[in-house]
Every structure is written in structure tokens, then in C-alpha cells.
N, C-alpha and C. Protein backbone atom coordinates (compact mmCIF):
# COMPACT_ATOMS: atom_id res chain seq x y z
N MET A 1 61.42 88.10 164.36
CA MET A 1 62.01 88.25 162.81
C MET A 1 61.17 87.94 161.47
N PRO A 2 61.92 89.21 160.92
CA PRO A 2 61.18 89.02 159.50
C PRO A 2 60.75 87.61 158.65
N ALA A 3 59.78 87.45 158.10
CA ALA A 3 59.45 86.32 157.35
C ALA A 3 59.99 86.13 155.88
N HIS A 4 61.66 86.04 155.50
CA HIS A 4 61.71 86.25 154.01
C HIS A 4 61.23 85.05 153.41
N LEU A 5 60.75 85.28 152.04
CA LEU A 5 59.93 84.69 151.47
C LEU A 5 60.61 83.44 150.72
N ASP A 6 62.04 83.59 150.94
CA ASP A 6 62.81 83.17 149.95
C ASP A 6 62.81 81.82 150.69
N SER A 7 62.62 81.59 151.90
CA SER A 7 62.86 80.19 152.72
C SER A 7 61.75 79.32 151.95
N ALA A 8 62.43 78.36 151.52
CA ALA A 8 61.46 77.19 151.17
C ALA A 8 61.16 76.24 152.47
N GLU A 9 61.10 76.90 153.67
CA GLU A 9 60.34 76.84 155.23
C GLU A 9 58.98 77.59 154.98
N ASN A 10 58.69 78.80 154.43
CA ASN A 10 57.40 79.30 154.27
C ASN A 10 56.39 79.00 153.50
N PRO A 11 55.34 79.43 154.16
CA PRO A 11 54.37 79.49 152.89
C PRO A 11 54.02 80.56 151.76
N THR A 12 53.31 80.01 150.82
CA THR A 12 53.32 81.21 150.13
C THR A 12 51.69 81.31 149.85
N ILE A 13 51.34 82.81 148.73
CA ILE A 13 50.26 82.52 148.66
C ILE A 13 49.47 82.74 146.97
N LEU A 14 48.76 82.55 146.49
CA LEU A 14 48.28 82.45 145.68
C LEU A 14 46.67 82.59 145.03
N ILE A 15 46.56 83.61 144.43
CA ILE A 15 45.67 84.91 144.24
C ILE A 15 44.33 84.18 143.47
N GLN A 16 43.17 84.05 144.67
CA GLN A 16 42.28 82.88 143.38
C GLN A 16 41.82 84.33 142.72
N LYS A 17 41.27 83.68 141.52
CA LYS A 17 40.78 84.76 139.82
C LYS A 17 39.92 85.73 140.83
N GLU A 18 39.00 85.02 141.51
CA GLU A 18 38.15 85.79 141.86
C GLU A 18 38.26 87.25 142.35
N ALA A 19 39.50 87.10 142.87
CA ALA A 19 39.91 88.44 143.87
C ALA A 19 39.67 89.60 142.75
N PHE A 20 39.27 89.20 141.83
CA PHE A 20 39.71 90.51 140.77
C PHE A 20 38.04 90.55 140.06
N PRO A 21 37.55 91.59 139.81
CA PRO A 21 36.75 91.59 139.10
C PRO A 21 36.44 91.68 137.84
N ARG A 22 35.50 91.28 136.75
CA ARG A 22 35.93 91.06 135.25
C ARG A 22 36.51 91.75 134.69
N VAL A 23 35.80 93.12 135.49
CA VAL A 23 36.35 94.03 134.57
C VAL A 23 38.01 94.83 134.38
N LEU A 24 38.66 94.52 135.62
CA LEU A 24 39.71 94.80 135.79
C LEU A 24 40.37 93.58 134.82
N ARG A 25 39.87 92.41 134.72
CA ARG A 25 40.11 90.94 133.86
C ARG A 25 40.37 90.93 132.92
N VAL A 26 39.04 91.77 132.37
CA VAL A 26 39.61 92.06 130.39
C VAL A 26 40.21 93.19 130.61
N GLY A 27 40.97 94.22 130.99
CA GLY A 27 41.44 95.53 130.91
C GLY A 27 42.34 94.89 131.49
N PHE A 28 43.04 93.91 132.28
CA PHE A 28 44.58 93.22 132.29
C PHE A 28 44.90 92.62 130.41
N TRP A 29 43.77 91.74 130.39
CA TRP A 29 44.10 91.06 129.26
C TRP A 29 44.57 91.26 128.07
N MET A 30 43.37 92.74 127.84
CA MET A 30 43.66 93.80 126.54
C MET A 30 44.71 94.08 127.01
N CYS A 31 44.91 94.69 127.95
CA CYS A 31 46.79 95.72 127.86
C CYS A 31 47.28 94.49 127.53
N VAL A 32 47.84 93.37 128.32
CA VAL A 32 48.98 92.53 127.65
C VAL A 32 48.73 91.95 126.46
N VAL A 33 47.55 91.80 125.72
CA VAL A 33 47.59 91.51 124.26
C VAL A 33 48.48 92.59 123.37
N ILE A 34 47.63 94.04 123.59
CA ILE A 34 47.99 95.27 123.28
C ILE A 34 49.88 95.35 123.42
N ALA A 35 50.16 95.12 124.67
CA ALA A 35 52.00 95.30 124.81
C ALA A 35 52.77 94.31 123.92
N VAL A 36 52.18 93.00 124.20
CA VAL A 36 53.08 92.34 123.62
C VAL A 36 53.03 92.70 122.19
N ALA A 37 51.72 92.76 121.25
CA ALA A 37 51.72 93.08 119.41
C ALA A 37 52.77 94.50 119.45
N VAL A 38 52.60 95.40 120.22
CA VAL A 38 53.59 96.38 119.98
C VAL A 38 54.79 96.15 120.38
N VAL A 39 55.60 95.73 121.38
CA VAL A 39 57.10 94.84 121.15
C VAL A 39 57.28 94.35 119.84
N ILE A 40 56.22 93.45 119.74
CA ILE A 40 56.67 92.49 118.89
C ILE A 40 56.72 93.02 117.09
N ARG A 41 56.01 94.30 117.07
CA ARG A 41 56.19 95.20 116.15
C ARG A 41 57.25 95.32 116.32
N ARG A 42 57.58 96.02 116.78
CA ARG A 42 58.72 97.14 117.16
C ARG A 42 59.97 96.42 116.91
N ILE A 43 59.86 95.15 117.14
CA ILE A 43 61.25 94.32 117.24
C ILE A 43 61.12 93.69 115.45
N VAL A 44 60.11 93.39 115.17
CA VAL A 44 60.29 93.42 113.52
C VAL A 44 60.56 94.16 112.74
N VAL A 45 60.36 95.50 112.96
CA VAL A 45 60.66 96.93 112.46
C VAL A 45 61.93 97.03 112.30
N LEU A 46 62.59 97.02 113.97
CA LEU A 46 64.30 97.58 114.04
C LEU A 46 65.04 96.51 113.47
N LEU A 47 64.51 95.22 113.27
CA LEU A 47 65.38 94.11 112.57
C LEU A 47 65.53 93.73 111.05
N ASN A 48 64.18 94.41 110.32
CA ASN A 48 63.63 94.09 109.09
C ASN A 48 62.88 95.49 108.76
N PRO A 49 63.75 96.14 108.64
CA PRO A 49 62.73 98.09 108.30
C PRO A 49 61.97 97.95 106.93
N PRO A 50 60.64 98.08 107.30
CA PRO A 50 59.79 98.07 105.83
C PRO A 50 60.43 99.15 104.97
N GLN A 51 60.28 98.35 103.68
CA GLN A 51 60.68 99.31 102.22
C GLN A 51 59.47 100.72 102.09
N SER A 52 58.50 100.45 102.17
CA SER A 52 57.46 101.18 102.21
C SER A 52 56.11 101.49 103.23
N PRO A 53 56.79 102.01 104.57
CA PRO A 53 56.19 102.50 105.49
C PRO A 53 54.75 103.54 105.43
N PRO A 54 53.62 103.65 106.30
CA PRO A 54 53.04 104.45 106.03
C PRO A 54 53.16 105.21 106.94
N PRO A 55 52.55 106.87 105.81
CA PRO A 55 53.35 107.69 106.23
C PRO A 55 53.52 108.48 107.75
N GLN A 56 52.13 108.01 108.13
CA GLN A 56 52.30 108.04 109.78
C GLN A 56 53.19 107.05 110.42
N MET A 57 53.39 106.05 110.30
CA MET A 57 54.96 105.84 110.68
C MET A 57 56.28 106.12 110.59
N ALA A 58 56.34 106.04 109.47
CA ALA A 58 58.15 106.29 109.20
C ALA A 58 58.93 107.55 110.02
N GLY A 59 58.22 108.48 110.14
CA GLY A 59 59.06 109.25 111.63
C GLY A 59 59.00 108.63 112.87
N LEU A 60 57.73 107.65 113.24
CA LEU A 60 58.08 107.01 114.37
C LEU A 60 59.32 105.67 114.30
N ASP A 61 59.29 104.60 112.90
CA ASP A 61 60.22 104.18 113.09
C ASP A 61 61.44 104.59 112.86
N GLN A 62 61.59 105.55 112.96
CA GLN A 62 63.05 106.41 112.19
C GLN A 62 63.79 106.61 113.23
N SER A 63 62.71 106.96 114.06
CA SER A 63 62.97 107.93 115.61
C SER A 63 63.30 106.42 116.54
N PHE A 64 63.10 105.39 116.82
CA PHE A 64 62.95 104.14 116.96
C PHE A 64 64.96 103.62 117.01
N ALA A 65 64.40 103.50 114.88
CA ALA A 65 65.77 103.08 114.63
C ALA A 65 67.38 103.77 115.23
N SER A 66 67.00 104.93 115.78
CA SER A 66 68.03 105.92 115.55
C SER A 66 68.60 105.76 116.84
N HIS A 67 68.72 104.86 118.04
CA HIS A 67 69.13 104.14 119.29
C HIS A 67 68.86 102.88 119.29
N THR A 68 68.76 102.06 118.33
CA THR A 68 68.22 100.52 118.28
C THR A 68 68.68 100.04 120.14
N ALA A 69 69.99 99.92 119.87
CA ALA A 69 70.29 98.76 121.06
C ALA A 69 69.69 99.35 122.17
N LEU A 70 69.03 101.01 122.55
CA LEU A 70 68.63 101.08 124.21
C LEU A 70 67.02 100.31 123.78
N THR A 71 66.52 100.94 122.40
CA THR A 71 64.37 100.17 122.52
C THR A 71 65.35 98.99 122.82
N LEU A 72 65.53 98.06 122.47
CA LEU A 72 66.23 96.92 122.38
C LEU A 72 65.98 96.23 123.98
N ALA A 73 67.08 97.24 124.78
CA ALA A 73 67.39 96.77 125.82
C ALA A 73 66.43 97.12 126.57
N HIS A 74 65.13 97.99 126.42
CA HIS A 74 64.18 98.72 127.23
C HIS A 74 62.74 97.32 127.35
N ILE A 75 62.18 97.26 125.62
CA ILE A 75 61.24 97.05 125.26
C ILE A 75 61.38 94.93 125.45
N LEU A 76 62.43 94.45 125.33
CA LEU A 76 62.71 92.86 125.10
C LEU A 76 62.61 92.68 126.70
N PRO A 77 63.35 93.12 128.04
CA PRO A 77 62.65 92.71 129.45
C PRO A 77 60.99 93.49 129.58
N ALA A 78 60.94 94.34 128.88
CA ALA A 78 59.41 94.21 129.33
C ALA A 78 58.65 93.44 128.54
N LEU A 79 59.28 92.70 127.34
CA LEU A 79 57.84 92.20 127.36
C LEU A 79 57.98 90.49 128.02
N ALA A 80 59.37 90.07 128.09
CA ALA A 80 59.40 89.67 129.35
C ALA A 80 58.40 89.57 130.78
N PHE A 81 58.55 90.46 130.76
CA PHE A 81 57.86 91.07 132.40
C PHE A 81 56.37 91.17 131.69
N VAL A 82 55.96 91.85 131.05
CA VAL A 82 54.31 91.59 130.46
C VAL A 82 54.34 89.56 130.94
N LEU A 83 54.94 89.07 129.61
CA LEU A 83 54.62 87.36 129.56
C LEU A 83 54.83 86.82 130.98
N LEU A 84 55.56 87.47 132.33
CA LEU A 84 55.23 86.49 133.22
C LEU A 84 54.23 87.01 134.22
N LEU A 85 53.03 88.04 133.63
CA LEU A 85 52.29 88.76 134.76
C LEU A 85 51.53 87.05 135.00
N PRO A 86 50.56 87.14 133.57
CA PRO A 86 49.53 85.65 133.63
C PRO A 86 50.61 84.46 134.72
N PHE A 87 51.73 84.31 135.14
CA PHE A 87 51.82 83.15 136.21
C PHE A 87 51.68 83.97 137.27
N ILE A 88 52.00 85.02 137.17
CA ILE A 88 52.03 85.55 138.81
C ILE A 88 51.05 85.77 139.29
N TYR A 89 49.62 86.35 138.24
CA TYR A 89 48.18 86.38 138.97
C TYR A 89 47.49 85.89 138.69
N PHE A 90 47.23 84.75 137.42
CA PHE A 90 46.11 83.59 137.78
C PHE A 90 47.01 82.03 137.46
N SER A 91 47.60 82.07 137.40
CA SER A 91 48.70 80.65 137.58
C SER A 91 48.76 80.60 138.95
N ARG A 92 49.00 78.40 138.65
CA ARG A 92 49.78 77.56 139.34
C ARG A 92 51.18 77.84 139.97
N PHE A 93 52.12 78.96 138.68
CA PHE A 93 52.78 78.90 138.45
C PHE A 93 53.29 80.23 139.66
N ALA A 94 52.54 80.54 140.36
CA ALA A 94 52.97 81.57 141.31
C ALA A 94 53.57 81.21 142.25
N ARG A 95 53.36 79.55 142.59
CA ARG A 95 53.94 78.92 143.61
C ARG A 95 55.54 78.94 143.74
N ALA A 96 56.27 79.10 142.17
CA ALA A 96 57.51 79.12 141.76
C ALA A 96 58.07 80.61 142.25
N LEU A 97 58.86 80.86 143.18
CA LEU A 97 59.26 82.06 143.28
C LEU A 97 60.53 82.54 143.28
N TRP A 98 60.83 81.88 141.57
CA TRP A 98 62.15 82.29 141.14
C TRP A 98 61.08 82.89 140.04
N ILE A 99 59.98 83.58 139.78
CA ILE A 99 59.28 83.68 138.75
C ILE A 99 59.38 85.22 139.57
N GLU A 100 58.66 85.36 140.47
CA GLU A 100 58.31 86.41 141.38
C GLU A 100 60.11 87.22 141.20
N ARG A 101 61.22 86.76 141.20
CA ARG A 101 62.41 87.21 141.38
C ARG A 101 62.18 88.00 140.45
N LEU A 102 62.41 86.64 139.49
CA LEU A 102 62.69 87.52 137.71
C LEU A 102 62.04 89.11 137.49
N LEU A 103 60.49 88.44 138.32
CA LEU A 103 60.06 89.75 137.46
C LEU A 103 60.43 91.18 137.88
N PHE A 104 60.87 90.87 139.70
CA PHE A 104 61.63 92.48 139.94
C PHE A 104 62.50 92.52 139.35
N ALA A 105 63.58 91.76 139.41
CA ALA A 105 64.70 92.44 138.25
C ALA A 105 64.64 92.49 136.63
N LEU A 106 63.52 92.51 136.13
CA LEU A 106 62.97 92.97 135.00
C LEU A 106 62.26 94.07 134.94
N GLY A 107 61.90 94.31 136.05
CA GLY A 107 61.33 95.35 136.73
C GLY A 107 62.00 96.61 137.07
N ALA A 108 63.06 96.44 137.22
CA ALA A 108 63.87 97.67 137.46
C ALA A 108 64.75 98.03 136.41
N ILE A 109 65.02 96.68 135.37
CA ILE A 109 65.43 97.06 134.17
C ILE A 109 64.48 97.70 133.31
N VAL A 110 63.44 97.59 133.43
CA VAL A 110 62.86 98.10 132.49
C VAL A 110 62.52 100.06 132.99
N GLY A 111 62.23 99.94 134.04
CA GLY A 111 62.06 101.40 134.59
C GLY A 111 63.57 101.79 134.56
N ILE A 112 64.57 101.26 134.61
CA ILE A 112 66.24 102.15 134.25
C ILE A 112 66.13 102.89 132.69
N THR A 113 65.94 101.74 132.01
CA THR A 113 65.86 102.14 130.62
C THR A 113 64.82 103.08 129.99
N ALA A 114 64.01 103.28 131.09
CA ALA A 114 62.45 103.73 130.42
C ALA A 114 63.04 105.57 130.44
N TYR A 115 63.96 105.41 131.69
CA TYR A 115 64.14 107.01 131.88
C TYR A 115 65.44 107.46 130.76
N ALA A 116 65.98 106.53 129.90
CA ALA A 116 67.43 106.77 129.09
C ALA A 116 66.32 107.05 127.88
N MET A 117 65.24 106.13 127.21
CA MET A 117 64.30 105.93 126.26
C MET A 117 63.79 107.87 126.17
N SER A 118 63.67 108.35 127.60
CA SER A 118 62.70 109.41 127.15
C SER A 118 63.55 110.36 126.94
N THR A 119 64.59 110.54 126.50
CA THR A 119 65.71 110.94 125.91
C THR A 119 65.18 111.69 125.09
N TYR A 120 64.80 110.74 123.80
CA TYR A 120 64.59 110.88 122.77
C TYR A 120 62.48 110.81 122.45
N ALA A 121 62.42 111.00 123.63
CA ALA A 121 60.77 111.55 123.43
C ALA A 121 60.57 111.95 122.38
N ILE A 122 59.24 111.35 121.36
CA ILE A 122 58.61 111.76 120.43
C ILE A 122 57.69 113.24 120.83
N GLY A 123 57.30 113.30 121.68
CA GLY A 123 56.31 113.99 121.78
C GLY A 123 57.06 115.19 122.92
N GLY A 124 58.40 115.55 122.95
CA GLY A 124 58.69 116.38 123.98
C GLY A 124 59.01 116.11 125.24
N TRP A 125 58.29 117.09 125.96
CA TRP A 125 59.07 117.54 127.40
C TRP A 125 57.29 117.03 127.92
N THR A 126 56.44 117.30 126.74
CA THR A 126 55.11 116.49 127.66
C THR A 126 55.02 115.44 128.18
N GLU A 127 55.13 114.58 126.58
CA GLU A 127 55.59 113.25 126.70
C GLU A 127 56.94 112.70 127.55
N ARG A 128 58.10 113.29 128.20
CA ARG A 128 59.12 113.12 129.07
C ARG A 128 59.00 113.46 129.97
N SER A 129 57.54 114.19 130.60
CA SER A 129 57.06 114.74 131.99
C SER A 129 56.37 113.47 132.21
N ALA A 130 55.58 113.49 131.61
CA ALA A 130 54.79 111.76 132.15
C ALA A 130 55.74 110.60 132.11
N VAL A 131 56.36 110.80 131.14
CA VAL A 131 57.55 109.28 131.59
C VAL A 131 58.35 109.44 133.43
N TYR A 132 58.72 110.32 133.39
CA TYR A 132 59.53 110.95 134.82
C TYR A 132 58.36 110.48 135.89
N PHE A 133 57.37 110.79 135.56
CA PHE A 133 56.15 110.93 137.02
C PHE A 133 55.99 109.22 137.28
N PHE A 134 55.58 108.64 135.71
CA PHE A 134 54.83 107.36 136.39
C PHE A 134 55.94 106.80 136.15
N ASN A 135 57.06 106.43 135.31
CA ASN A 135 57.68 105.73 135.98
C ASN A 135 58.50 106.13 136.84
N SER A 136 58.90 106.56 137.66
CA SER A 136 58.95 106.96 139.01
C SER A 136 58.15 105.79 139.96
N LEU A 137 56.69 106.28 140.08
CA LEU A 137 55.82 105.81 141.00
C LEU A 137 56.09 104.65 140.38
N PHE A 138 55.95 103.82 139.07
CA PHE A 138 56.63 102.55 138.63
C PHE A 138 57.03 101.68 139.67
N LEU A 139 58.13 102.47 139.46
CA LEU A 139 59.81 101.97 140.30
C LEU A 139 59.24 102.57 141.97
N TYR A 140 58.79 103.19 142.56
CA TYR A 140 58.40 102.91 143.56
C TYR A 140 57.59 102.09 144.33
N SER A 141 56.87 101.64 143.12
CA SER A 141 55.80 100.81 143.46
C SER A 141 56.43 99.40 144.26
N LEU A 142 57.19 99.50 142.41
CA LEU A 142 57.71 97.97 142.62
C LEU A 142 59.31 97.99 143.83
N PHE A 143 59.67 98.53 144.37
CA PHE A 143 60.86 98.99 145.64
C PHE A 143 59.93 98.27 146.54
N ARG A 144 58.77 99.34 147.13
CA ARG A 144 57.55 98.79 148.35
C ARG A 144 57.48 97.08 148.08
N ALA A 145 56.51 96.85 146.98
CA ALA A 145 56.28 95.73 146.69
C ALA A 145 57.55 94.85 147.15
N TRP A 146 58.74 94.97 146.76
CA TRP A 146 59.98 94.51 147.20
C TRP A 146 60.28 94.39 148.51
N GLN A 147 59.85 95.07 150.06
CA GLN A 147 60.36 95.17 150.79
C GLN A 147 59.13 94.54 151.38
N TYR A 148 58.33 94.42 151.26
CA TYR A 148 57.09 93.68 152.14
C TYR A 148 56.90 92.50 151.67
N ARG A 149 57.95 92.08 150.26
CA ARG A 149 57.64 90.79 150.12
C ARG A 149 58.91 90.00 150.98
N ARG A 150 60.20 90.76 151.22
CA ARG A 150 60.89 90.33 152.08
C ARG A 150 61.13 90.38 153.72
N THR A 151 59.64 91.30 153.96
CA THR A 151 59.13 91.22 155.30
C THR A 151 57.74 90.56 156.19
N GLY A 152 57.32 89.73 154.95
CA GLY A 152 56.49 88.71 154.56
C GLY A 152 55.14 89.42 155.11
N ALA A 153 54.90 90.44 154.41
CA ALA A 153 53.44 91.62 154.20
C ALA A 153 52.86 91.01 153.17
N LEU A 154 51.88 90.11 153.11
CA LEU A 154 52.15 89.49 151.57
C LEU A 154 50.99 90.24 150.91
N HIS A 155 50.00 90.42 151.55
CA HIS A 155 48.57 91.93 151.16
C HIS A 155 49.30 93.21 150.56
N LEU A 156 50.16 93.49 151.49
CA LEU A 156 50.53 94.38 150.93
C LEU A 156 51.86 94.96 150.34
N LYS A 157 52.33 93.47 149.72
CA LYS A 157 53.40 93.37 148.83
C LYS A 157 52.30 93.40 147.52
N GLN A 158 51.25 92.56 147.71
CA GLN A 158 50.11 92.33 146.63
C GLN A 158 50.00 93.43 146.02
N GLN A 159 49.50 94.50 147.01
CA GLN A 159 49.01 95.61 146.49
C GLN A 159 49.47 96.48 146.10
N TRP A 160 51.23 97.27 146.20
CA TRP A 160 52.07 97.94 145.69
C TRP A 160 52.52 96.59 144.50
N LEU A 161 52.70 95.53 144.18
CA LEU A 161 52.62 94.84 143.14
C LEU A 161 51.89 94.87 142.03
N THR A 162 50.10 95.53 142.38
CA THR A 162 49.42 95.95 141.50
C THR A 162 49.76 97.00 140.92
N ARG A 163 50.02 97.75 142.07
CA ARG A 163 49.75 99.03 141.12
C ARG A 163 51.17 99.24 140.23
N ALA A 164 52.29 98.40 140.66
CA ALA A 164 53.21 98.95 139.37
C ALA A 164 53.06 97.84 138.75
N VAL A 165 52.29 97.26 138.43
CA VAL A 165 51.85 96.28 137.13
C VAL A 165 50.82 97.55 136.44
N ALA A 166 49.78 97.56 137.16
CA ALA A 166 49.19 98.45 136.36
C ALA A 166 49.59 99.79 135.53
N VAL A 167 50.61 99.95 135.96
CA VAL A 167 51.82 101.35 135.78
C VAL A 167 52.11 100.88 134.43
N LEU A 168 52.80 99.73 134.62
CA LEU A 168 53.34 99.51 133.40
C LEU A 168 52.54 98.84 132.35
N LEU A 169 51.43 98.52 132.60
CA LEU A 169 50.81 98.45 131.46
C LEU A 169 49.70 99.76 130.96
N GLY A 170 49.96 100.82 131.50
CA GLY A 170 49.35 102.10 131.12
C GLY A 170 50.14 102.07 129.20
N ILE A 171 51.09 101.78 129.57
CA ILE A 171 51.89 102.15 127.43
C ILE A 171 50.83 101.52 126.64
N ALA A 172 50.34 100.23 127.25
CA ALA A 172 49.33 99.39 126.23
C ALA A 172 47.87 100.39 126.18
N THR A 173 47.81 101.14 127.40
CA THR A 173 45.82 102.04 126.99
C THR A 173 46.98 103.19 126.41
N THR A 174 47.77 103.29 126.50
CA THR A 174 48.40 105.06 125.51
C THR A 174 47.79 104.96 124.04
N ARG A 175 48.32 103.06 123.74
CA ARG A 175 47.95 103.05 121.97
C ARG A 175 46.45 103.28 121.69
N PRO A 176 45.48 102.66 122.35
CA PRO A 176 44.12 102.81 121.81
C PRO A 176 43.60 104.43 121.65
N VAL A 177 44.32 105.23 122.72
CA VAL A 177 44.13 107.00 122.65
C VAL A 177 44.99 107.12 121.99
N MET A 178 46.27 107.08 121.31
CA MET A 178 47.29 107.14 120.08
C MET A 178 46.09 107.17 118.75
N GLY A 179 45.54 106.04 118.77
CA GLY A 179 44.43 105.62 117.74
C GLY A 179 43.97 106.92 117.30
N VAL A 180 43.28 107.06 118.29
CA VAL A 180 42.07 108.31 118.63
C VAL A 180 42.69 109.72 117.62
N LEU A 181 43.86 109.98 118.41
CA LEU A 181 44.58 110.89 118.00
C LEU A 181 44.73 110.83 116.80
N PHE A 182 45.26 109.52 116.05
CA PHE A 182 45.41 109.98 114.97
C PHE A 182 44.57 109.42 113.91
N ALA A 183 43.23 109.23 114.08
CA ALA A 183 42.33 109.29 113.13
C ALA A 183 41.80 110.38 113.32
N THR A 184 41.94 111.25 114.31
CA THR A 184 40.83 112.25 114.54
C THR A 184 42.40 113.55 113.71
N SER A 185 43.15 113.10 113.45
CA SER A 185 44.05 114.27 112.97
C SER A 185 44.36 115.28 112.00
N THR A 186 43.16 114.73 110.83
CA THR A 186 43.07 115.35 109.64
C THR A 186 41.97 116.19 110.35
N LEU A 187 41.37 116.49 111.83
CA LEU A 187 40.35 117.56 112.21
C LEU A 187 41.23 117.99 113.19
N THR A 188 41.80 117.95 114.13
CA THR A 188 42.40 118.87 115.05
C THR A 188 43.82 119.32 114.50
N HIS A 189 44.35 118.76 113.06
CA HIS A 189 45.68 119.07 112.51
C HIS A 189 46.90 119.14 113.77
N LEU A 190 46.37 118.21 114.64
CA LEU A 190 47.95 117.40 115.75
C LEU A 190 48.74 116.12 114.79
N LYS A 191 49.82 116.49 114.89
CA LYS A 191 50.85 115.85 114.48
C LYS A 191 51.32 114.94 116.02
N PRO A 192 52.35 114.14 115.59
CA PRO A 192 52.11 113.12 116.49
C PRO A 192 53.01 113.92 117.55
N GLN A 193 53.92 114.34 116.88
CA GLN A 193 55.51 115.07 118.15
C GLN A 193 54.67 115.71 119.14
N GLN A 194 52.74 116.41 118.73
CA GLN A 194 52.05 117.05 119.63
C GLN A 194 51.09 116.69 120.86
N PHE A 195 51.03 115.35 119.57
CA PHE A 195 50.14 114.38 120.82
C PHE A 195 50.59 112.85 121.66
N PHE A 196 51.36 112.82 121.57
CA PHE A 196 52.37 111.47 121.74
C PHE A 196 52.07 112.01 123.15
N GLY A 197 52.38 113.25 123.36
CA GLY A 197 52.63 113.17 125.24
C GLY A 197 51.31 113.43 126.01
N ILE A 198 50.18 113.89 125.47
CA ILE A 198 48.93 113.51 125.72
C ILE A 198 48.53 112.40 125.85
N ALA A 199 48.28 111.55 124.75
CA ALA A 199 48.22 110.35 124.61
C ALA A 199 48.99 109.68 126.12
N PHE A 200 49.99 109.73 126.50
CA PHE A 200 50.71 109.18 127.03
C PHE A 200 50.45 109.44 128.88
N TRP A 201 49.72 110.83 128.87
CA TRP A 201 49.38 111.17 130.42
C TRP A 201 47.84 110.83 130.14
N ILE A 202 47.26 110.67 129.08
CA ILE A 202 45.63 110.15 129.38
C ILE A 202 45.46 108.63 129.70
N GLY A 203 46.69 107.56 128.78
CA GLY A 203 46.50 106.23 129.12
C GLY A 203 47.48 105.86 130.46
N PHE A 204 48.60 106.74 131.03
CA PHE A 204 48.98 105.78 132.39
C PHE A 204 47.67 106.52 133.24
N SER A 205 47.58 107.53 133.11
CA SER A 205 46.63 107.80 133.92
C SER A 205 45.35 107.55 134.30
N ILE A 206 45.10 106.78 133.31
CA ILE A 206 43.33 105.72 133.35
C ILE A 206 43.89 104.76 134.04
N ASN A 207 45.10 104.04 133.90
CA ASN A 207 45.33 102.89 134.43
C ASN A 207 46.03 103.25 136.02
N THR A 208 45.90 103.84 136.14
CA THR A 208 46.33 104.56 137.56
C THR A 208 45.76 104.73 138.59
N ILE A 209 44.15 105.56 137.64
CA ILE A 209 43.44 105.61 138.82
C ILE A 209 42.20 105.05 139.16
N ALA A 210 42.27 103.88 138.04
CA ALA A 210 41.50 102.48 137.65
C ALA A 210 42.01 101.57 138.67
N ILE A 211 42.97 101.52 139.41
CA ILE A 211 43.84 100.72 140.47
C ILE A 211 43.88 100.98 141.50
N GLU A 212 43.86 102.01 141.54
CA GLU A 212 43.68 102.84 142.64
C GLU A 212 42.22 103.07 143.53
N LEU A 213 41.67 103.28 142.86
CA LEU A 213 40.19 103.22 142.79
C LEU A 213 39.53 102.24 143.48
N TRP A 214 40.25 100.88 142.74
CA TRP A 214 39.71 99.58 143.21
C TRP A 214 40.37 99.40 145.14
N LEU A 215 41.67 99.47 144.29
CA LEU A 215 42.17 99.43 145.79
C LEU A 215 41.76 99.66 147.04
N ARG A 216 41.45 100.70 146.78
CA ARG A 216 40.73 101.60 147.68
C ARG A 216 39.45 101.39 148.50
N SER A 217 38.65 101.00 147.35
CA SER A 217 37.28 100.31 147.45
C SER A 217 37.13 99.46 148.19
N ARG A 218 38.12 98.05 148.55
CA ARG A 218 37.70 97.20 149.43
C ARG A 218 38.84 97.13 150.34
N LYS A 219 38.46 96.70 151.80
CA LYS A 219 39.55 96.80 152.50
C LYS A 219 40.83 95.67 152.73
N HIS A 220 40.16 94.77 151.64
CA HIS A 220 41.46 93.43 151.87
C HIS A 220 41.01 93.16 150.19
N PRO A 221 41.15 93.46 149.29
CA PRO A 221 41.05 93.33 147.64
C PRO A 221 41.63 91.79 147.45
N PHE A 222 42.33 91.30 148.45
CA PHE A 222 42.77 89.80 147.51
C PHE A 222 42.38 88.52 148.33
N GLN A 223 41.89 88.09 147.92
CA GLN A 223 42.20 86.68 148.46
C GLN A 223 43.08 85.44 148.19
N PHE A 224 42.97 84.88 149.42
CA PHE A 224 44.21 83.63 148.72
C PHE A 224 44.13 82.33 149.31
N GLU A 225 44.81 81.49 148.96
CA GLU A 225 45.06 80.00 149.12
C GLU A 225 46.36 80.38 149.52
N THR A 226 46.65 79.25 150.63
CA THR A 226 47.93 79.22 151.23
C THR A 226 48.65 77.87 150.37
N THR A 227 49.73 77.81 150.49
CA THR A 227 50.58 76.47 150.09
C THR A 227 52.11 76.54 149.74
N ALA A 228 52.66 75.43 149.65
CA ALA A 228 53.98 75.34 149.75
C ALA A 228 55.06 75.81 148.36
N VAL A 229 55.92 76.48 149.20
CA VAL A 229 57.08 77.19 148.50
C VAL A 229 57.18 76.17 147.46
N HIS A 230 57.98 76.30 146.44
CA HIS A 230 58.66 75.80 145.42
C HIS A 230 60.03 77.22 144.88
N SER A 231 61.12 77.38 145.39
CA SER A 231 61.94 78.01 144.98
C SER A 231 62.73 78.04 143.97
């Protein structure tokens, strides 16, 4: 019979911090900080639009303001998802299964609303194709993690959940890429509508490839500590 992790009688596992190399831990925290900062800025701008925004940002802000409700329905669950990640990976709060359940629910909401958000893609079909591809990969990875969680295959669950997390945090990696493209726009003469899609493909690809290479480089990429479940 499958070992369902919702049962308080079953053990859970805590990932030791040393399971991740330092470069991944640094990258993780950088992505978390960037993602949180981006969402907070977007919320502030939506609720209190600046009177004189920078020329480069004015068009972007207007685009998001044209579908405020959908934007908030996407970025607020995304913010909650990102804020929960440290508790899942590096904290004793990982014993609380309700956090993991909430993470799966929030991930589903983020993924579904991302498809709707792509209708307003600033970068056109280049950006939209990146969203379709990587968002589908995110939802697929999240679904596989949920399946393995229900059957008690904890190592496989953690591998697929880590894939999903890496893909989602790819949106943070796109920001430095966009910064470079913004800074060099006077030389390349590219407009945001032209390089947003490029930035999406580069940023999400970096995270996806990096985590996949690491997962495949080790037979058992995670080290665990067994402990009691608190649902």
C-alpha cells in the first residue's frame, strides 16, 4: 500500500543544508531576494502609480496596470510560494506538512495564472513561447513531485520539487539579464518588446539547465534526517 505522507504516523524527512553546494545556495537566495523585490515593487506601482516613472519603465507599468486583477492573482501567490521555500529546504519547519501542501496549491495557482498572463506578454510570441514551455515544465515537475509525495517516494519527490522550484525562480534570473539588455540598448537599439522574450529564454534556461546538471551529477543528491510528522 502506498505510504501517504499526510498520515501523522509516517516519518518525514528534513534536507540537510550540506546537501546543496554553496553555489546553489547562493543562487537560491539571490533568486529569492530578487523575486520578492520585484513582486513588492509591482504591487506598490499597481496600488500607487508613480507620477513620473522612468521612461524605460513607463510602458511596462502601463501594461501591467491594464490587467491589475490578473497580475495580482498571479504575483501574490507567487510571492507566498517564494517566501515558503526557505522553510521547505533549510528549516525545521519542514516537519509541518501543511507548509508543503500549501506550496503545491500555490504552485498550481501560479502556473495556471501564468498562462493567462502570457496573453499580455510584452515580448510578444518570443516571450509567450518561453512562458508556455517553462510554465508547462514547472507544472509537470510539480505534479510529479505531488505524485511521489503521495506514494512515499521522498527522494524522487524532492528531486521533482527542486526542478519545479528552479524553473519558477527562473523569473528572478531573467531580471539581471533584462538589466544587461536595458543597459546595452543604446548600442543594440533593442526595445523592451524585442528583448523581453530573449531575456525570458536565457533566464529560465540558466536555472533549468543548472539544476538538471546538478541533479544528474549525483546518484543521491539529497541527504536526509528522519523525524516525526506534524501535520
